[in-house]
Amino acid sequence: MTLTKTTIVEKIAEKNNQSPSEAKETLEVLLEVMKSTLASGEDIMISGFGKFQANGKSPRKGRNPATGETMVLDKRRVVVFKCAGGLRDQVNGE
């Protein structure tokens, strides 16, 4: 099962005695702060949860799987997540 944005909104509303619209706004603000922080090149560290980083990838050789043609893939940034030790232990039931 996948946790969706709608489910997160419902849980926030329930736990904080908020209306669903207030909870949705809270979540949207949080996500916007996270997106703009990563886009600016800063990391996001959430104690006890983990760290989000936007890492750069260099240009590299690639291949079009349909044609077999070799090409150069442009440099880009990817978001990576490294979970905190406590979260890793919790997920692994330790």
PDB file of N, CA and C in Angstrom:
ATOM      1  N   MET A   1       0.849  -1.189   0.000  1.00  0.00           N
ATOM      2  CA  MET A   1       0.000   0.000   0.000  1.00  0.00           C
ATOM      3  C   MET A   1       0.887   1.243   0.000  1.00  0.00           C
ATOM      4  N   THR A   2       0.452   2.259  -0.693  1.00  0.00           N
ATOM      5  CA  THR A   2       1.190   3.508  -0.797  1.00  0.00           C
ATOM      6  C   THR A   2       0.463   4.599  -0.029  1.00  0.00           C
ATOM      7  N   LEU A   3       1.217   5.374   0.716  1.00  0.00           N
ATOM      8  CA  LEU A   3       0.659   6.514   1.436  1.00  0.00           C
ATOM      9  C   LEU A   3       0.545   7.674   0.457  1.00  0.00           C
ATOM     10  N   THR A   4      -0.669   8.164   0.240  1.00  0.00           N
ATOM     11  CA  THR A   4      -0.892   9.243  -0.720  1.00  0.00           C
ATOM     12  C   THR A   4      -1.016  10.589  -0.005  1.00  0.00           C
ATOM     13  N   LYS A   5      -0.972  11.650  -0.795  1.00  0.00           N
ATOM     14  CA  LYS A   5      -1.114  12.991  -0.236  1.00  0.00           C
ATOM     15  C   LYS A   5      -2.467  13.134   0.467  1.00  0.00           C
ATOM     16  N   THR A   6      -3.502  12.566  -0.111  1.00  0.00           N
ATOM     17  CA  THR A   6      -4.834  12.636   0.492  1.00  0.00           C
ATOM     18  C   THR A   6      -4.856  11.977   1.866  1.00  0.00           C
ATOM     19  N   THR A   7      -4.220  10.829   1.984  1.00  0.00           N
ATOM     20  CA  THR A   7      -4.166  10.131   3.267  1.00  0.00           C
ATOM     21  C   THR A   7      -3.371  10.932   4.292  1.00  0.00           C
ATOM     22  N   ILE A   8      -2.277  11.533   3.843  1.00  0.00           N
ATOM     23  CA  ILE A   8      -1.475  12.369   4.742  1.00  0.00           C
ATOM     24  C   ILE A   8      -2.308  13.534   5.251  1.00  0.00           C
ATOM     25  N   VAL A   9      -3.055  14.176   4.369  1.00  0.00           N
ATOM     26  CA  VAL A   9      -3.924  15.296   4.764  1.00  0.00           C
ATOM     27  C   VAL A   9      -4.942  14.826   5.798  1.00  0.00           C
ATOM     28  N   GLU A  10      -5.548  13.674   5.567  1.00  0.00           N
ATOM     29  CA  GLU A  10      -6.533  13.147   6.519  1.00  0.00           C
ATOM     30  C   GLU A  10      -5.902  12.901   7.886  1.00  0.00           C
ATOM     31  N   LYS A  11      -4.696  12.338   7.915  1.00  0.00           N
ATOM     32  CA  LYS A  11      -4.022  12.058   9.185  1.00  0.00           C
ATOM     33  C   LYS A  11      -3.622  13.342   9.906  1.00  0.00           C
ATOM     34  N   ILE A  12      -3.140  14.331   9.161  1.00  0.00           N
ATOM     35  CA  ILE A  12      -2.787  15.624   9.771  1.00  0.00           C
ATOM     36  C   ILE A  12      -4.036  16.265  10.376  1.00  0.00           C
ATOM     37  N   ALA A  13      -5.129  16.262   9.623  1.00  0.00           N
ATOM     38  CA  ALA A  13      -6.378  16.855  10.102  1.00  0.00           C
ATOM     39  C   ALA A  13      -6.861  16.168  11.377  1.00  0.00           C
ATOM     40  N   GLU A  14      -6.797  14.852  11.388  1.00  0.00           N
ATOM     41  CA  GLU A  14      -7.255  14.080  12.544  1.00  0.00           C
ATOM     42  C   GLU A  14      -6.383  14.334  13.775  1.00  0.00           C
ATOM     43  N   LYS A  15      -5.078  14.279  13.604  1.00  0.00           N
ATOM     44  CA  LYS A  15      -4.170  14.417  14.750  1.00  0.00           C
ATOM     45  C   LYS A  15      -4.124  15.838  15.307  1.00  0.00           C
ATOM     46  N   ASN A  16      -4.382  16.841  14.464  1.00  0.00           N
ATOM     47  CA  ASN A  16      -4.287  18.237  14.907  1.00  0.00           C
ATOM     48  C   ASN A  16      -5.649  18.907  15.069  1.00  0.00           C
ATOM     49  N   ASN A  17      -6.723  18.116  15.003  1.00  0.00           N
ATOM     50  CA  ASN A  17      -8.083  18.663  15.099  1.00  0.00           C
ATOM     51  C   ASN A  17      -8.267  19.840  14.146  1.00  0.00           C
ATOM     52  N   GLN A  18      -7.860  19.632  12.900  1.00  0.00           N
ATOM     53  CA  GLN A  18      -7.992  20.649  11.864  1.00  0.00           C
ATOM     54  C   GLN A  18      -9.016  20.181  10.838  1.00  0.00           C
ATOM     55  N   SER A  19      -9.497  21.146  10.072  1.00  0.00           N
ATOM     56  CA  SER A  19     -10.336  20.767   8.943  1.00  0.00           C
ATOM     57  C   SER A  19      -9.411  20.217   7.854  1.00  0.00           C
ATOM     58  N   PRO A  20      -9.957  19.406   6.967  1.00  0.00           N
ATOM     59  CA  PRO A  20      -9.125  18.891   5.874  1.00  0.00           C
ATOM     60  C   PRO A  20      -8.498  20.003   5.028  1.00  0.00           C
ATOM     61  N   SER A  21      -9.203  21.110   4.845  1.00  0.00           N
ATOM     62  CA  SER A  21      -8.639  22.204   4.046  1.00  0.00           C
ATOM     63  C   SER A  21      -7.453  22.861   4.759  1.00  0.00           C
ATOM     64  N   GLU A  22      -7.528  22.986   6.086  1.00  0.00           N
ATOM     65  CA  GLU A  22      -6.399  23.533   6.845  1.00  0.00           C
ATOM     66  C   GLU A  22      -5.207  22.583   6.794  1.00  0.00           C
ATOM     67  N   ALA A  23      -5.473  21.306   6.925  1.00  0.00           N
ATOM     68  CA  ALA A  23      -4.409  20.305   6.885  1.00  0.00           C
ATOM     69  C   ALA A  23      -3.756  20.271   5.507  1.00  0.00           C
ATOM     70  N   LYS A  24      -4.570  20.398   4.460  1.00  0.00           N
ATOM     71  CA  LYS A  24      -4.033  20.404   3.099  1.00  0.00           C
ATOM     72  C   LYS A  24      -3.131  21.612   2.907  1.00  0.00           C
ATOM     73  N   GLU A  25      -3.541  22.763   3.393  1.00  0.00           N
ATOM     74  CA  GLU A  25      -2.728  23.974   3.281  1.00  0.00           C
ATOM     75  C   GLU A  25      -1.408  23.809   4.035  1.00  0.00           C
ATOM     76  N   THR A  26      -1.453  23.208   5.214  1.00  0.00           N
ATOM     77  CA  THR A  26      -0.242  22.949   5.995  1.00  0.00           C
ATOM     78  C   THR A  26       0.724  22.077   5.201  1.00  0.00           C
ATOM     79  N   LEU A  27       0.215  21.002   4.635  1.00  0.00           N
ATOM     80  CA  LEU A  27       1.053  20.097   3.854  1.00  0.00           C
ATOM     81  C   LEU A  27       1.609  20.786   2.611  1.00  0.00           C
ATOM     82  N   GLU A  28       0.782  21.545   1.913  1.00  0.00           N
ATOM     83  CA  GLU A  28       1.224  22.239   0.701  1.00  0.00           C
ATOM     84  C   GLU A  28       2.344  23.230   1.010  1.00  0.00           C
ATOM     85  N   VAL A  29       2.220  23.951   2.124  1.00  0.00           N
ATOM     86  CA  VAL A  29       3.266  24.899   2.523  1.00  0.00           C
ATOM     87  C   VAL A  29       4.563  24.143   2.818  1.00  0.00           C
ATOM     88  N   LEU A  30       4.474  23.045   3.556  1.00  0.00           N
ATOM     89  CA  LEU A  30       5.649  22.252   3.873  1.00  0.00           C
ATOM     90  C   LEU A  30       6.328  21.758   2.595  1.00  0.00           C
ATOM     91  N   LEU A  31       5.558  21.208   1.671  1.00  0.00           N
ATOM     92  CA  LEU A  31       6.130  20.686   0.431  1.00  0.00           C
ATOM     93  C   LEU A  31       6.759  21.799  -0.407  1.00  0.00           C
ATOM     94  N   GLU A  32       6.137  22.965  -0.427  1.00  0.00           N
ATOM     95  CA  GLU A  32       6.687  24.094  -1.189  1.00  0.00           C
ATOM     96  C   GLU A  32       8.014  24.557  -0.595  1.00  0.00           C
ATOM     97  N   VAL A  33       8.094  24.613   0.734  1.00  0.00           N
ATOM     98  CA  VAL A  33       9.359  24.977   1.396  1.00  0.00           C
ATOM     99  C   VAL A  33      10.435  23.957   1.049  1.00  0.00           C
ATOM    100  N   MET A  34      10.089  22.680   1.080  1.00  0.00           N
ATOM    101  CA  MET A  34      11.065  21.637   0.762  1.00  0.00           C
ATOM    102  C   MET A  34      11.521  21.732  -0.689  1.00  0.00           C
ATOM    103  N   LYS A  35      10.592  21.936  -1.616  1.00  0.00           N
ATOM    104  CA  LYS A  35      10.946  22.034  -3.037  1.00  0.00           C
ATOM    105  C   LYS A  35      11.850  23.224  -3.310  1.00  0.00           C
ATOM    106  N   SER A  36      11.504  24.383  -2.755  1.00  0.00           N
ATOM    107  CA  SER A  36      12.311  25.578  -3.011  1.00  0.00           C
ATOM    108  C   SER A  36      13.686  25.463  -2.359  1.00  0.00           C
ATOM    109  N   THR A  37      13.768  24.816  -1.205  1.00  0.00           N
ATOM    110  CA  THR A  37      15.061  24.616  -0.535  1.00  0.00           C
ATOM    111  C   THR A  37      15.966  23.723  -1.369  1.00  0.00           C
ATOM    112  N   LEU A  38      15.445  22.613  -1.857  1.00  0.00           N
ATOM    113  CA  LEU A  38      16.239  21.715  -2.693  1.00  0.00           C
ATOM    114  C   LEU A  38      16.623  22.373  -4.019  1.00  0.00           C
ATOM    115  N   ALA A  39      15.709  23.128  -4.602  1.00  0.00           N
ATOM    116  CA  ALA A  39      15.995  23.806  -5.867  1.00  0.00           C
ATOM    117  C   ALA A  39      17.104  24.833  -5.712  1.00  0.00           C
ATOM    118  N   SER A  40      17.232  25.421  -4.525  1.00  0.00           N
ATOM    119  CA  SER A  40      18.278  26.419  -4.294  1.00  0.00           C
ATOM    120  C   SER A  40      19.624  25.771  -3.965  1.00  0.00           C
ATOM    121  N   GLY A  41      19.659  24.450  -3.882  1.00  0.00           N
ATOM    122  CA  GLY A  41      20.906  23.743  -3.638  1.00  0.00           C
ATOM    123  C   GLY A  41      21.183  23.428  -2.176  1.00  0.00           C
ATOM    124  N   GLU A  42      20.261  23.777  -1.297  1.00  0.00           N
ATOM    125  CA  GLU A  42      20.434  23.484   0.126  1.00  0.00           C
ATOM    126  C   GLU A  42      19.892  22.095   0.450  1.00  0.00           C
ATOM    127  N   ASP A  43      20.446  21.507   1.510  1.00  0.00           N
ATOM    128  CA  ASP A  43      19.978  20.215   1.997  1.00  0.00           C
ATOM    129  C   ASP A  43      18.856  20.420   3.008  1.00  0.00           C
ATOM    130  N   ILE A  44      18.059  19.385   3.204  1.00  0.00           N
ATOM    131  CA  ILE A  44      17.005  19.397   4.225  1.00  0.00           C
ATOM    132  C   ILE A  44      17.323  18.277   5.204  1.00  0.00           C
ATOM    133  N   MET A  45      17.538  18.640   6.466  1.00  0.00           N
ATOM    134  CA  MET A  45      17.838  17.659   7.503  1.00  0.00           C
ATOM    135  C   MET A  45      16.699  17.668   8.508  1.00  0.00           C
ATOM    136  N   ILE A  46      16.016  16.540   8.650  1.00  0.00           N
ATOM    137  CA  ILE A  46      14.923  16.405   9.600  1.00  0.00           C
ATOM    138  C   ILE A  46      15.382  15.404  10.652  1.00  0.00           C
ATOM    139  N   SER A  47      15.655  15.917  11.848  1.00  0.00           N
ATOM    140  CA  SER A  47      16.202  15.095  12.921  1.00  0.00           C
ATOM    141  C   SER A  47      15.307  13.898  13.197  1.00  0.00           C
ATOM    142  N   GLY A  48      15.907  12.712  13.267  1.00  0.00           N
ATOM    143  CA  GLY A  48      15.166  11.490  13.537  1.00  0.00           C
ATOM    144  C   GLY A  48      14.488  10.900  12.318  1.00  0.00           C
ATOM    145  N   PHE A  49      14.538  11.605  11.186  1.00  0.00           N
ATOM    146  CA  PHE A  49      13.904  11.128   9.965  1.00  0.00           C
ATOM    147  C   PHE A  49      14.937  10.885   8.872  1.00  0.00           C
ATOM    148  N   GLY A  50      15.675  11.939   8.505  1.00  0.00           N
ATOM    149  CA  GLY A  50      16.703  11.765   7.487  1.00  0.00           C
ATOM    150  C   GLY A  50      17.079  13.059   6.814  1.00  0.00           C
ATOM    151  N   LYS A  51      17.836  12.926   5.721  1.00  0.00           N
ATOM    152  CA  LYS A  51      18.378  14.078   5.007  1.00  0.00           C
ATOM    153  C   LYS A  51      18.071  13.957   3.517  1.00  0.00           C
ATOM    154  N   PHE A  52      17.533  15.032   2.953  1.00  0.00           N
ATOM    155  CA  PHE A  52      17.296  15.137   1.522  1.00  0.00           C
ATOM    156  C   PHE A  52      18.392  16.016   0.935  1.00  0.00           C
ATOM    157  N   GLN A  53      18.973  15.590  -0.189  1.00  0.00           N
ATOM    158  CA  GLN A  53      20.013  16.358  -0.853  1.00  0.00           C
ATOM    159  C   GLN A  53      19.746  16.383  -2.345  1.00  0.00           C
ATOM    160  N   ALA A  54      20.115  17.501  -2.988  1.00  0.00           N
ATOM    161  CA  ALA A  54      20.090  17.587  -4.443  1.00  0.00           C
ATOM    162  C   ALA A  54      21.529  17.432  -4.913  1.00  0.00           C
ATOM    163  N   ASN A  55      21.869  16.271  -5.444  1.00  0.00           N
ATOM    164  CA  ASN A  55      23.224  15.982  -5.895  1.00  0.00           C
ATOM    165  C   ASN A  55      23.331  16.180  -7.400  1.00  0.00           C
ATOM    166  N   GLY A  56      24.490  16.653  -7.839  1.00  0.00           N
ATOM    167  CA  GLY A  56      24.731  16.843  -9.264  1.00  0.00           C
ATOM    168  C   GLY A  56      25.259  15.568  -9.904  1.00  0.00           C
ATOM    169  N   LYS A  57      24.823  15.319 -11.124  1.00  0.00           N
ATOM    170  CA  LYS A  57      25.346  14.202 -11.909  1.00  0.00           C
ATOM    171  C   LYS A  57      26.031  14.812 -13.131  1.00  0.00           C
ATOM    172  N   SER A  58      27.215  14.340 -13.431  1.00  0.00           N
ATOM    173  CA  SER A  58      27.990  14.817 -14.570  1.00  0.00           C
ATOM    174  C   SER A  58      27.380  14.316 -15.874  1.00  0.00           C
ATOM    175  N   PRO A  59      27.713  15.005 -16.987  1.00  0.00           N
ATOM    176  CA  PRO A  59      27.280  14.467 -18.288  1.00  0.00           C
ATOM    177  C   PRO A  59      27.891  13.071 -18.467  1.00  0.00           C
ATOM    178  N   ARG A  60      27.161  12.189 -19.132  1.00  0.00           N
ATOM    179  CA  ARG A  60      27.663  10.832 -19.294  1.00  0.00           C
ATOM    180  C   ARG A  60      27.146  10.230 -20.590  1.00  0.00           C
ATOM    181  N   LYS A  61      27.819   9.183 -21.014  1.00  0.00           N
ATOM    182  CA  LYS A  61      27.389   8.484 -22.218  1.00  0.00           C
ATOM    183  C   LYS A  61      26.162   7.645 -21.892  1.00  0.00           C
ATOM    184  N   GLY A  62      25.251   7.620 -22.823  1.00  0.00           N
ATOM    185  CA  GLY A  62      24.058   6.806 -22.682  1.00  0.00           C
ATOM    186  C   GLY A  62      23.727   6.165 -24.015  1.00  0.00           C
ATOM    187  N   ARG A  63      22.648   5.409 -24.041  1.00  0.00           N
ATOM    188  CA  ARG A  63      22.244   4.726 -25.252  1.00  0.00           C
ATOM    189  C   ARG A  63      20.736   4.746 -25.347  1.00  0.00           C
ATOM    190  N   ASN A  64      20.233   5.058 -26.512  1.00  0.00           N
ATOM    191  CA  ASN A  64      18.805   4.999 -26.759  1.00  0.00           C
ATOM    192  C   ASN A  64      18.439   3.532 -26.898  1.00  0.00           C
ATOM    193  N   PRO A  65      17.631   2.989 -25.972  1.00  0.00           N
ATOM    194  CA  PRO A  65      17.329   1.553 -26.027  1.00  0.00           C
ATOM    195  C   PRO A  65      16.537   1.138 -27.257  1.00  0.00           C
ATOM    196  N   ALA A  66      15.803   2.064 -27.851  1.00  0.00           N
ATOM    197  CA  ALA A  66      14.991   1.715 -29.020  1.00  0.00           C
ATOM    198  C   ALA A  66      15.844   1.587 -30.283  1.00  0.00           C
ATOM    199  N   THR A  67      16.841   2.497 -30.414  1.00  0.00           N
ATOM    200  CA  THR A  67      17.631   2.511 -31.647  1.00  0.00           C
ATOM    201  C   THR A  67      19.050   1.996 -31.453  1.00  0.00           C
ATOM    202  N   GLY A  68      19.503   1.934 -30.210  1.00  0.00           N
ATOM    203  CA  GLY A  68      20.875   1.526 -29.942  1.00  0.00           C
ATOM    204  C   GLY A  68      21.875   2.656 -30.149  1.00  0.00           C
ATOM    205  N   GLU A  69      21.372   3.830 -30.521  1.00  0.00           N
ATOM    206  CA  GLU A  69      22.225   4.990 -30.796  1.00  0.00           C
ATOM    207  C   GLU A  69      22.873   5.496 -29.502  1.00  0.00           C
ATOM    208  N   THR A  70      24.184   5.785 -29.566  1.00  0.00           N
ATOM    209  CA  THR A  70      24.916   6.338 -28.431  1.00  0.00           C
ATOM    210  C   THR A  70      24.686   7.837 -28.389  1.00  0.00           C
ATOM    211  N   MET A  71      24.544   8.377 -27.184  1.00  0.00           N
ATOM    212  CA  MET A  71      24.347   9.819 -27.032  1.00  0.00           C
ATOM    213  C   MET A  71      24.916  10.268 -25.703  1.00  0.00           C
ATOM    214  N   VAL A  72      25.034  11.571 -25.536  1.00  0.00           N
ATOM    215  CA  VAL A  72      25.534  12.124 -24.285  1.00  0.00           C
ATOM    216  C   VAL A  72      24.348  12.665 -23.504  1.00  0.00           C
ATOM    217  N   LEU A  73      24.206  12.195 -22.270  1.00  0.00           N
ATOM    218  CA  LEU A  73      23.136  12.674 -21.395  1.00  0.00           C
ATOM    219  C   LEU A  73      23.655  13.902 -20.668  1.00  0.00           C
ATOM    220  N   ASP A  74      22.876  14.968 -20.659  1.00  0.00           N
ATOM    221  CA  ASP A  74      23.270  16.221 -20.027  1.00  0.00           C
ATOM    222  C   ASP A  74      23.457  16.055 -18.526  1.00  0.00           C
ATOM    223  N   LYS A  75      24.226  16.989 -17.958  1.00  0.00           N
ATOM    224  CA  LYS A  75      24.351  16.988 -16.505  1.00  0.00           C
ATOM    225  C   LYS A  75      22.990  17.339 -15.920  1.00  0.00           C
ATOM    226  N   ARG A  76      22.752  16.860 -14.720  1.00  0.00           N
ATOM    227  CA  ARG A  76      21.462  17.118 -14.075  1.00  0.00           C
ATOM    228  C   ARG A  76      21.625  16.969 -12.577  1.00  0.00           C
ATOM    229  N   ARG A  77      20.590  17.345 -11.867  1.00  0.00           N
ATOM    230  CA  ARG A  77      20.576  17.186 -10.415  1.00  0.00           C
ATOM    231  C   ARG A  77      19.486  16.196 -10.053  1.00  0.00           C
ATOM    232  N   VAL A  78      19.791  15.347  -9.088  1.00  0.00           N
ATOM    233  CA  VAL A  78      18.828  14.362  -8.613  1.00  0.00           C
ATOM    234  C   VAL A  78      18.676  14.512  -7.107  1.00  0.00           C
ATOM    235  N   VAL A  79      17.489  14.254  -6.610  1.00  0.00           N
ATOM    236  CA  VAL A  79      17.239  14.321  -5.173  1.00  0.00           C
ATOM    237  C   VAL A  79      17.456  12.935  -4.597  1.00  0.00           C
ATOM    238  N   VAL A  80      18.259  12.877  -3.528  1.00  0.00           N
ATOM    239  CA  VAL A  80      18.510  11.614  -2.834  1.00  0.00           C
ATOM    240  C   VAL A  80      18.092  11.774  -1.377  1.00  0.00           C
ATOM    241  N   PHE A  81      17.746  10.665  -0.759  1.00  0.00           N
ATOM    242  CA  PHE A  81      17.327  10.662   0.638  1.00  0.00           C
ATOM    243  C   PHE A  81      18.157   9.644   1.382  1.00  0.00           C
ATOM    244  N   LYS A  82      18.699  10.049   2.511  1.00  0.00           N
ATOM    245  CA  LYS A  82      19.413   9.129   3.395  1.00  0.00           C
ATOM    246  C   LYS A  82      18.687   9.148   4.731  1.00  0.00           C
ATOM    247  N   CYS A  83      18.162   7.998   5.126  1.00  0.00           N
ATOM    248  CA  CYS A  83      17.363   7.970   6.347  1.00  0.00           C
ATOM    249  C   CYS A  83      18.250   7.979   7.587  1.00  0.00           C
ATOM    250  N   ALA A  84      17.695   8.484   8.668  1.00  0.00           N
ATOM    251  CA  ALA A  84      18.383   8.516   9.955  1.00  0.00           C
ATOM    252  C   ALA A  84      18.449   7.097  10.517  1.00  0.00           C
ATOM    253  N   GLY A  85      19.438   6.860  11.361  1.00  0.00           N
ATOM    254  CA  GLY A  85      19.617   5.530  11.949  1.00  0.00           C
ATOM    255  C   GLY A  85      18.392   5.042  12.699  1.00  0.00           C
ATOM    256  N   GLY A  86      17.748   5.937  13.445  1.00  0.00           N
ATOM    257  CA  GLY A  86      16.563   5.554  14.192  1.00  0.00           C
ATOM    258  C   GLY A  86      15.426   5.116  13.297  1.00  0.00           C
ATOM    259  N   LEU A  87      15.245   5.829  12.188  1.00  0.00           N
ATOM    260  CA  LEU A  87      14.190   5.460  11.236  1.00  0.00           C
ATOM    261  C   LEU A  87      14.520   4.117  10.579  1.00  0.00           C
ATOM    262  N   ARG A  88      15.785   3.930  10.206  1.00  0.00           N
ATOM    263  CA  ARG A  88      16.205   2.670   9.598  1.00  0.00           C
ATOM    264  C   ARG A  88      15.932   1.497  10.548  1.00  0.00           C
ATOM    265  N   ASP A  89      16.258   1.694  11.827  1.00  0.00           N
ATOM    266  CA  ASP A  89      16.004   0.647  12.825  1.00  0.00           C
ATOM    267  C   ASP A  89      14.507   0.361  12.967  1.00  0.00           C
ATOM    268  N   GLN A  90      13.705   1.422  12.969  1.00  0.00           N
ATOM    269  CA  GLN A  90      12.252   1.262  13.105  1.00  0.00           C
ATOM    270  C   GLN A  90      11.674   0.511  11.912  1.00  0.00           C
ATOM    271  N   VAL A  91      12.135   0.850  10.715  1.00  0.00           N
ATOM    272  CA  VAL A  91      11.654   0.180   9.506  1.00  0.00           C
ATOM    273  C   VAL A  91      12.034  -1.298   9.507  1.00  0.00           C
ATOM    274  N   ASN A  92      13.226  -1.586  10.058  1.00  0.00           N
ATOM    275  CA  ASN A  92      13.699  -2.958  10.121  1.00  0.00           C
ATOM    276  C   ASN A  92      13.235  -3.712  11.367  1.00  0.00           C
ATOM    277  N   GLY A  93      12.388  -3.073  12.169  1.00  0.00           N
ATOM    278  CA  GLY A  93      11.817  -3.730  13.337  1.00  0.00           C
ATOM    279  C   GLY A  93      12.810  -3.974  14.461  1.00  0.00           C
ATOM    280  N   GLU A  94      13.836  -3.144  14.528  1.00  0.00           N
ATOM    281  CA  GLU A  94      14.847  -3.316  15.585  1.00  0.00           C
ATOM    282  C   GLU A  94      14.566  -2.421  16.762  1.00  0.00           C
TER     283      GLU A  94
END
